[in-house]
Amino acid sequence: MLTEVRRHYRMTRKNVGTMTRSRCPACRREFVWQGNPHRPFCSLACRLIDLGTWLDEGYRIEGERPNEMERPDDVP
């Protein structure tokens, strides 16, 4: 058991320098990119927070809003 713990510790310490780290766009916490099923977020909670912001129309794309009441002249 102790040997396995030491082996895991060595592998973890060796791979720390080669793992790509990124920042979560929701909470700005740093996380390891490889093997994270929630990327570009650090966790499921941050994914759901971002989804909620989209659904509440918190994010907007600037531009001219189309007038939905206008119809083309050739449509009866």
Protein backbone atom coordinates (compact mmCIF):
# COMPACT_ATOMS: atom_id res chain seq x y z
CA MET A 1 0.00 0.00 0.00
CA LEU A 2 2.74 2.47 0.93
CA THR A 3 4.58 1.69 -2.31
CA GLU A 4 1.47 2.53 -4.33
CA VAL A 5 1.10 5.83 -2.51
CA ARG A 6 4.73 6.72 -3.20
CA ARG A 7 4.41 5.73 -6.87
CA HIS A 8 1.26 7.87 -7.23
CA TYR A 9 2.99 10.80 -5.51
CA ARG A 10 5.99 10.55 -7.85
CA MET A 11 3.77 10.33 -10.94
CA THR A 12 1.70 13.27 -9.79
CA ARG A 13 4.75 15.39 -9.00
CA LYS A 14 6.33 14.47 -12.35
CA ASN A 15 3.21 15.32 -14.38
CA VAL A 16 2.39 18.58 -12.64
CA GLY A 17 4.81 20.54 -14.83
CA THR A 18 3.49 19.06 -18.08
CA MET A 19 -0.24 19.43 -17.39
CA THR A 20 -1.99 22.36 -19.01
CA ARG A 21 -3.72 24.61 -16.53
CA SER A 22 -6.47 27.05 -17.36
CA ARG A 23 -8.80 29.51 -15.61
CA CYS A 24 -12.51 28.93 -15.30
CA PRO A 25 -14.44 31.70 -17.09
CA ALA A 26 -17.15 31.65 -14.40
CA CYS A 27 -15.23 31.67 -11.10
CA ARG A 28 -11.67 32.44 -12.33
CA ARG A 29 -10.29 29.45 -10.36
CA GLU A 30 -7.32 27.64 -11.90
CA PHE A 31 -7.86 23.99 -12.90
CA VAL A 32 -6.16 21.20 -14.84
CA TRP A 33 -7.45 21.06 -18.44
CA GLN A 34 -6.66 17.40 -19.26
CA GLY A 35 -9.32 14.92 -18.25
CA ASN A 36 -11.78 17.55 -17.05
CA PRO A 37 -15.23 16.68 -18.43
CA HIS A 38 -16.54 20.19 -17.67
CA ARG A 39 -14.00 22.24 -19.60
CA PRO A 40 -13.75 25.13 -20.25
CA PHE A 41 -15.29 25.32 -16.76
CA CYS A 42 -13.78 23.87 -13.61
CA SER A 43 -16.93 22.10 -12.38
CA LEU A 44 -20.52 21.22 -13.12
CA ALA A 45 -21.66 24.07 -10.88
CA CYS A 46 -19.81 26.65 -13.00
CA ARG A 47 -21.23 25.09 -16.18
CA LEU A 48 -24.77 25.42 -14.83
CA ILE A 49 -24.20 28.98 -13.66
CA ASP A 50 -23.07 29.93 -17.17
CA LEU A 51 -26.02 28.11 -18.75
CA GLY A 52 -28.39 29.99 -16.45
CA THR A 53 -26.87 33.30 -17.53
CA TRP A 54 -27.44 32.38 -21.18
CA LEU A 55 -31.03 31.29 -20.51
CA ASP A 56 -31.77 34.51 -18.61
CA GLU A 57 -30.37 36.42 -21.61
CA GLY A 58 -27.55 37.83 -19.50
CA TYR A 59 -25.16 37.64 -22.45
CA ARG A 60 -25.98 39.77 -25.46
CA ILE A 61 -24.46 40.15 -28.89
CA GLU A 62 -24.42 43.78 -29.88
CA GLY A 63 -25.90 44.73 -33.18
CA GLU A 64 -29.00 46.03 -34.84
CA ARG A 65 -32.09 44.20 -33.67
CA PRO A 66 -34.33 43.02 -36.54
CA ASN A 67 -37.82 44.40 -36.55
CA GLU A 68 -40.09 41.38 -36.32
CA MET A 69 -43.18 43.31 -37.38
CA GLU A 70 -41.84 44.18 -40.86
CA ARG A 71 -42.78 41.82 -43.63
CA PRO A 72 -41.44 41.73 -47.17
CA ASP A 73 -43.71 43.30 -49.79
CA ASP A 74 -44.10 40.11 -51.82
CA VAL A 75 -45.60 38.09 -48.94
CA PRO A 76 -49.46 38.11 -48.97
